[in-house]
């Protein structure tokens, strides 16, 4: 199998180069042939969204490419969206994988190219849950067998929801609002998670989704982890905020396996999921 490491969001710091080399070696031990983008690391100056998009299209255009893992995060992933060739992406065999700021690309590729994408961070192979992450990578990612059971959901309201999973990082997903890249939420399960963000910010984001009419279209909300809020013991916690702001009859579930934790798993953006209690 052939794979690529790319960076559509902020460039990585130079001290992280050793980690990327380790990651490449781990992937090669799993039998992957790995190509690394020249745009992973700083400096940022002179590098445009078009440059990053052209580099990503090089991987999508490769007829032998199986998996594209974006290892970046930050703020600027949406700068590539207008430069991508969605017709080519729609015909590509490559599966695009990323999380956090890559929420913009994950949803745009589904919206404009009709292609499923994977909310997943491969760098978890390097961290404190590396053993479990490697087993999950081997069994689920390489075999493209990610499923709803991976999420071990717990329902906070209702007992089932069904629909295409859309969304991801709440802040980054809202960058798509008002653009051609924002997905049609009718009948969807809306996935929401975050790394940083206070109660006030999450309240603002949820009200923006409400004002966009998102909650009137979707079949349910799936909450991942909200790292900063959970670490600080923020109150009210995100589940309570969602209960207060979303319609009272909208099903809500949560999973600890989507978000910025090192034990995070994967969810397929654009795929129909049926989630139920137990």
Protein backbone atom coordinates (compact mmCIF):
# COMPACT_ATOMS: atom_id res chain seq x y z
CA UNK A 1 0.00 0.00 0.00
CA UNK A 2 1.10 3.55 -0.71
CA UNK A 3 0.66 6.44 1.74
CA UNK A 4 1.56 10.12 2.00
CA UNK A 5 2.14 12.54 4.87
CA UNK A 6 1.00 16.06 4.16
CA UNK A 7 0.28 19.35 5.96
CA UNK A 8 -2.55 21.61 4.80
CA UNK A 9 -2.67 23.53 8.08
CA UNK A 10 0.09 25.33 9.99
CA UNK A 11 3.66 24.17 9.28
CA UNK A 12 5.16 21.96 11.93
CA UNK A 13 8.09 23.16 14.04
CA UNK A 14 11.55 21.99 13.08
CA UNK A 15 12.05 20.11 16.36
CA UNK A 16 9.17 17.83 15.31
CA UNK A 17 11.11 16.49 12.33
CA UNK A 18 12.47 13.59 14.37
CA UNK A 19 8.93 12.53 15.30
CA UNK A 20 7.87 12.54 11.67
CA UNK A 21 10.85 10.36 10.78
CA UNK A 22 9.81 7.95 13.55
CA UNK A 23 6.24 7.97 12.26
CA UNK A 24 7.43 7.21 8.74
CA UNK A 25 9.46 4.28 10.03
CA UNK A 26 6.49 2.90 11.96
CA UNK A 27 4.31 3.13 8.87
CA UNK A 28 6.94 1.40 6.76
CA UNK A 29 7.09 -1.44 9.30
CA UNK A 30 3.40 -1.97 8.58
CA UNK A 31 4.23 -2.46 4.91
CA UNK A 32 3.42 1.03 3.65
CA UNK A 33 5.46 2.90 1.08
CA UNK A 34 5.49 6.45 2.47
CA UNK A 35 6.00 9.77 0.67
CA UNK A 36 6.49 12.89 2.78
CA UNK A 37 5.40 16.32 1.58
CA UNK A 38 8.15 18.97 1.40
CA UNK A 39 5.73 21.41 3.04
CA UNK A 40 5.45 19.82 6.48
CA UNK A 41 7.84 22.16 8.29
CA UNK A 42 8.46 25.88 8.74
CA UNK A 43 9.26 28.43 7.42
CA UNK A 44 5.78 29.55 6.42
CA UNK A 45 6.82 32.68 4.52
CA UNK A 46 6.16 32.46 0.80
CA UNK A 47 4.02 29.32 1.04
CA UNK A 48 0.48 29.89 -0.19
CA UNK A 49 -2.71 27.88 0.09
CA UNK A 50 -2.32 27.10 -3.60
CA UNK A 51 1.14 25.63 -2.98
CA UNK A 52 -0.27 23.32 -0.33
CA UNK A 53 -3.27 22.45 -2.49
CA UNK A 54 -1.06 21.62 -5.47
CA UNK A 55 1.00 19.35 -3.26
CA UNK A 56 -2.12 17.60 -1.96
CA UNK A 57 -3.41 17.19 -5.52
CA UNK A 58 -0.13 15.49 -6.43
CA UNK A 59 -1.06 12.75 -3.99
CA UNK A 60 -4.72 12.56 -5.02
CA UNK A 61 -3.64 12.30 -8.67
CA UNK A 62 -1.34 9.35 -8.02
CA UNK A 63 -3.32 6.28 -9.22
CA UNK A 64 -1.47 4.07 -6.73
CA UNK A 65 -2.03 6.24 -3.64
CA UNK A 66 -4.16 4.57 -0.96
CA UNK A 67 -3.99 6.82 2.11
CA UNK A 68 -3.18 10.50 2.65
CA UNK A 69 -2.52 11.42 6.28
CA UNK A 70 -2.43 15.11 7.17
CA UNK A 71 -0.29 15.46 10.28
CA UNK A 72 -0.74 19.21 10.77
CA UNK A 73 -3.12 21.35 12.79
CA UNK A 74 -3.72 24.96 13.68
CA UNK A 75 -5.58 27.54 11.63
CA UNK A 76 -4.92 27.71 7.89
CA UNK A 77 -6.19 24.46 6.38
CA UNK A 78 -9.13 26.30 4.81
CA UNK A 79 -6.65 28.24 2.63
CA UNK A 80 -6.35 25.21 0.33
CA UNK A 81 -10.05 24.69 -0.34
CA UNK A 82 -10.55 26.95 -3.36
CA UNK A 83 -7.48 25.48 -5.11
CA UNK A 84 -8.39 21.80 -4.92
CA UNK A 85 -9.60 19.94 -8.03
CA UNK A 86 -12.67 18.19 -6.68
CA UNK A 87 -13.31 16.34 -9.96
CA UNK A 88 -9.92 14.67 -9.66
CA UNK A 89 -10.47 13.97 -5.96
CA UNK A 90 -13.83 12.38 -6.74
CA UNK A 91 -12.11 9.86 -9.03
CA UNK A 92 -9.11 9.22 -6.79
CA UNK A 93 -8.74 5.99 -4.81
CA UNK A 94 -6.89 7.81 -2.02
CA UNK A 95 -8.59 8.26 1.36
CA UNK A 96 -7.83 11.60 3.04
CA UNK A 97 -7.30 11.48 6.81
CA UNK A 98 -6.87 14.28 9.36
CA UNK A 99 -8.51 15.97 12.33
CA UNK A 100 -8.85 19.29 14.16
CA UNK A 101 -8.23 22.11 11.65
CA UNK A 102 -8.44 19.52 8.86
CA UNK A 103 -12.16 19.41 9.61
CA UNK A 104 -12.41 22.05 6.88
CA UNK A 105 -10.81 19.78 4.27
CA UNK A 106 -12.61 16.63 5.44
CA UNK A 107 -16.03 18.22 5.00
CA UNK A 108 -15.16 20.12 1.81
CA UNK A 109 -13.94 16.94 0.10
CA UNK A 110 -17.18 15.20 1.03
CA UNK A 111 -19.32 18.18 0.01
CA UNK A 112 -17.62 18.99 -3.29
CA UNK A 113 -16.25 15.63 -4.41
CA UNK A 114 -18.73 13.23 -2.81
CA UNK A 115 -15.88 11.32 -1.20
CA UNK A 116 -15.81 9.92 2.29
CA UNK A 117 -12.91 11.14 4.45
CA UNK A 118 -11.50 10.00 7.77
CA UNK A 119 -11.42 12.03 10.97
CA UNK A 120 -8.23 10.48 12.35
CA UNK A 121 -4.81 11.56 13.62
CA UNK A 122 -2.02 9.14 12.74
CA UNK A 123 0.46 10.90 15.05
CA UNK A 124 -1.18 9.06 17.95
CA UNK A 125 1.13 6.20 16.95
CA UNK A 126 3.90 8.20 18.66
CA UNK A 127 2.32 8.99 22.01
CA UNK A 128 1.55 7.34 25.35
CA UNK A 129 -1.13 5.02 23.94
CA UNK A 130 1.11 3.97 21.06
CA UNK A 131 0.54 0.23 21.56
CA UNK A 132 -3.25 0.42 21.36
CA UNK A 133 -3.01 3.03 18.60
CA UNK A 134 -0.80 0.73 16.52
CA UNK A 135 -3.21 -2.17 16.93
CA UNK A 136 -6.14 0.04 15.91
CA UNK A 137 -4.16 1.37 12.94
CA UNK A 138 -3.30 -2.14 11.82
CA UNK A 139 -6.79 -3.59 12.21
CA UNK A 140 -9.04 -0.67 11.31
CA UNK A 141 -7.18 1.95 9.26
CA UNK A 142 -5.09 -0.25 6.98
CA UNK A 143 -8.05 -2.52 6.31
CA UNK A 144 -10.40 0.46 5.94
CA UNK A 145 -12.79 -1.22 8.36
CA UNK A 146 -13.60 1.69 10.69
CA UNK A 147 -17.06 1.20 12.16
CA UNK A 148 -19.56 2.65 14.63
CA UNK A 149 -18.62 0.11 17.30
CA UNK A 150 -15.22 1.83 17.58
CA UNK A 151 -16.89 4.82 19.21
CA UNK A 152 -18.49 3.12 22.24
CA UNK A 153 -21.15 5.84 22.42
CA UNK A 154 -23.16 6.75 25.50
CA UNK A 155 -26.50 8.48 25.02
CA UNK A 156 -27.29 11.63 26.99
CA UNK A 157 -30.70 12.15 25.40
CA UNK A 158 -32.70 9.67 23.36
CA UNK A 159 -31.44 6.18 22.57
CA UNK A 160 -30.60 6.15 18.85
CA UNK A 161 -29.60 8.33 15.92
CA UNK A 162 -28.95 7.66 12.27
CA UNK A 163 -27.40 9.69 9.46
CA UNK A 164 -24.26 10.71 7.60
CA UNK A 165 -21.62 11.85 10.06
CA UNK A 166 -20.50 15.42 9.30
CA UNK A 167 -18.59 18.04 11.27
CA UNK A 168 -15.60 17.53 13.54
CA UNK A 169 -13.79 20.29 15.40
CA UNK A 170 -16.50 22.82 16.21
CA UNK A 171 -14.38 25.97 15.70
CA UNK A 172 -12.92 24.77 12.42
CA UNK A 173 -16.22 23.42 11.09
CA UNK A 174 -17.75 26.87 11.50
CA UNK A 175 -15.10 28.34 9.19
CA UNK A 176 -17.08 26.71 6.39
CA UNK A 177 -20.31 28.56 7.23
CA UNK A 178 -21.45 30.70 4.31
CA UNK A 179 -19.01 29.07 1.88
CA UNK A 180 -19.63 26.54 -0.92
CA UNK A 181 -17.78 23.99 1.19
CA UNK A 182 -20.32 23.83 4.03
CA UNK A 183 -22.13 20.46 3.83
CA UNK A 184 -25.84 19.89 3.59
CA UNK A 185 -26.75 18.91 7.15
CA UNK A 186 -30.21 17.56 6.37
CA UNK A 187 -30.57 14.19 8.10
CA UNK A 188 -26.97 14.18 9.36
CA UNK A 189 -25.36 13.23 12.64
CA UNK A 190 -23.33 16.30 13.64
CA UNK A 191 -19.98 15.45 15.22
CA UNK A 192 -18.52 18.11 17.52
CA UNK A 193 -15.22 18.14 19.46
CA UNK A 194 -12.56 20.66 20.48
CA UNK A 195 -9.09 20.96 21.92
CA UNK A 196 -9.07 24.54 23.18
CA UNK A 197 -12.01 26.74 24.04
CA UNK A 198 -13.76 28.13 27.10
CA UNK A 199 -17.39 27.81 28.11
CA UNK A 200 -18.01 31.24 26.56
CA UNK A 201 -16.50 30.22 23.23
CA UNK A 202 -18.44 26.96 23.09
CA UNK A 203 -21.63 28.82 23.94
CA UNK A 204 -20.96 31.20 21.05
CA UNK A 205 -20.23 28.34 18.63
CA UNK A 206 -23.38 26.46 19.60
CA UNK A 207 -25.52 29.55 19.15
CA UNK A 208 -23.97 30.09 15.73
CA UNK A 209 -24.92 26.55 14.73
CA UNK A 210 -28.42 27.17 16.05
CA UNK A 211 -28.67 30.44 14.09
CA UNK A 212 -27.48 28.65 10.95
CA UNK A 213 -30.47 26.31 11.34
CA UNK A 214 -28.17 23.33 11.83
CA UNK A 215 -30.06 21.88 14.77
CA UNK A 216 -33.34 21.94 12.81
CA UNK A 217 -31.84 19.78 10.05
CA UNK A 218 -29.78 17.14 11.80
CA UNK A 219 -30.86 13.82 13.31
CA UNK A 220 -28.57 14.04 16.30
CA UNK A 221 -25.40 15.38 17.88
CA UNK A 222 -22.38 13.22 18.64
CA UNK A 223 -20.00 14.84 21.11
CA UNK A 224 -16.34 13.91 21.24
CA UNK A 225 -13.93 15.23 23.84
CA UNK A 226 -13.45 18.91 24.75
CA UNK A 227 -9.92 18.86 26.08
CA UNK A 228 -9.45 22.27 27.68
CA UNK A 229 -12.89 22.34 29.27
CA UNK A 230 -12.46 18.84 30.68
CA UNK A 231 -8.96 19.50 32.02
CA UNK A 232 -10.14 22.65 33.79
CA UNK A 233 -13.36 21.11 35.07
CA UNK A 234 -15.29 23.88 33.32
CA UNK A 235 -18.93 24.35 34.25
CA UNK A 236 -21.31 23.99 32.68
CA UNK A 237 -19.63 21.16 30.76
CA UNK A 238 -20.22 20.76 27.03
CA UNK A 239 -23.00 18.15 27.34
CA UNK A 240 -24.99 20.53 29.52
CA UNK A 241 -24.44 23.43 27.13
CA UNK A 242 -25.70 21.31 24.23
CA UNK A 243 -28.77 20.24 26.19
CA UNK A 244 -29.57 23.88 26.90
CA UNK A 245 -29.02 25.27 23.38
CA UNK A 246 -30.09 22.42 21.07
CA UNK A 247 -33.80 21.52 20.64
CA UNK A 248 -35.18 19.41 23.50
CA UNK A 249 -36.12 16.46 21.26
CA UNK A 250 -32.75 16.17 19.49
CA UNK A 251 -30.80 13.00 20.41
CA UNK A 252 -27.36 13.59 21.94
CA UNK A 253 -24.60 11.03 22.44
CA UNK A 254 -20.99 11.23 23.47
CA UNK A 255 -17.80 9.27 22.88
CA UNK A 256 -14.35 9.60 24.46
CA UNK A 257 -12.79 8.15 21.30
CA UNK A 258 -13.09 11.19 19.01
CA UNK A 259 -11.09 14.32 19.75
CA UNK A 260 -7.56 15.29 20.73
CA UNK A 261 -6.90 12.50 23.20
CA UNK A 262 -4.05 10.12 22.45
CA UNK A 263 -6.54 7.23 22.63
CA UNK A 264 -8.70 8.74 19.85
CA UNK A 265 -9.96 6.47 17.11
CA UNK A 266 -11.54 7.33 13.77
CA UNK A 267 -14.90 8.20 12.29
CA UNK A 268 -15.78 8.33 8.58
CA UNK A 269 -17.05 11.72 7.45
CA UNK A 270 -19.89 11.31 4.98
CA UNK A 271 -20.74 7.72 5.92
CA UNK A 272 -24.11 6.61 7.26
CA UNK A 273 -23.86 5.61 10.92
CA UNK A 274 -26.55 4.03 13.04
CA UNK A 275 -25.80 4.71 16.69
CA UNK A 276 -27.86 3.25 19.50
CA UNK A 277 -27.70 2.82 23.24
CA UNK A 278 -25.81 -0.23 24.40
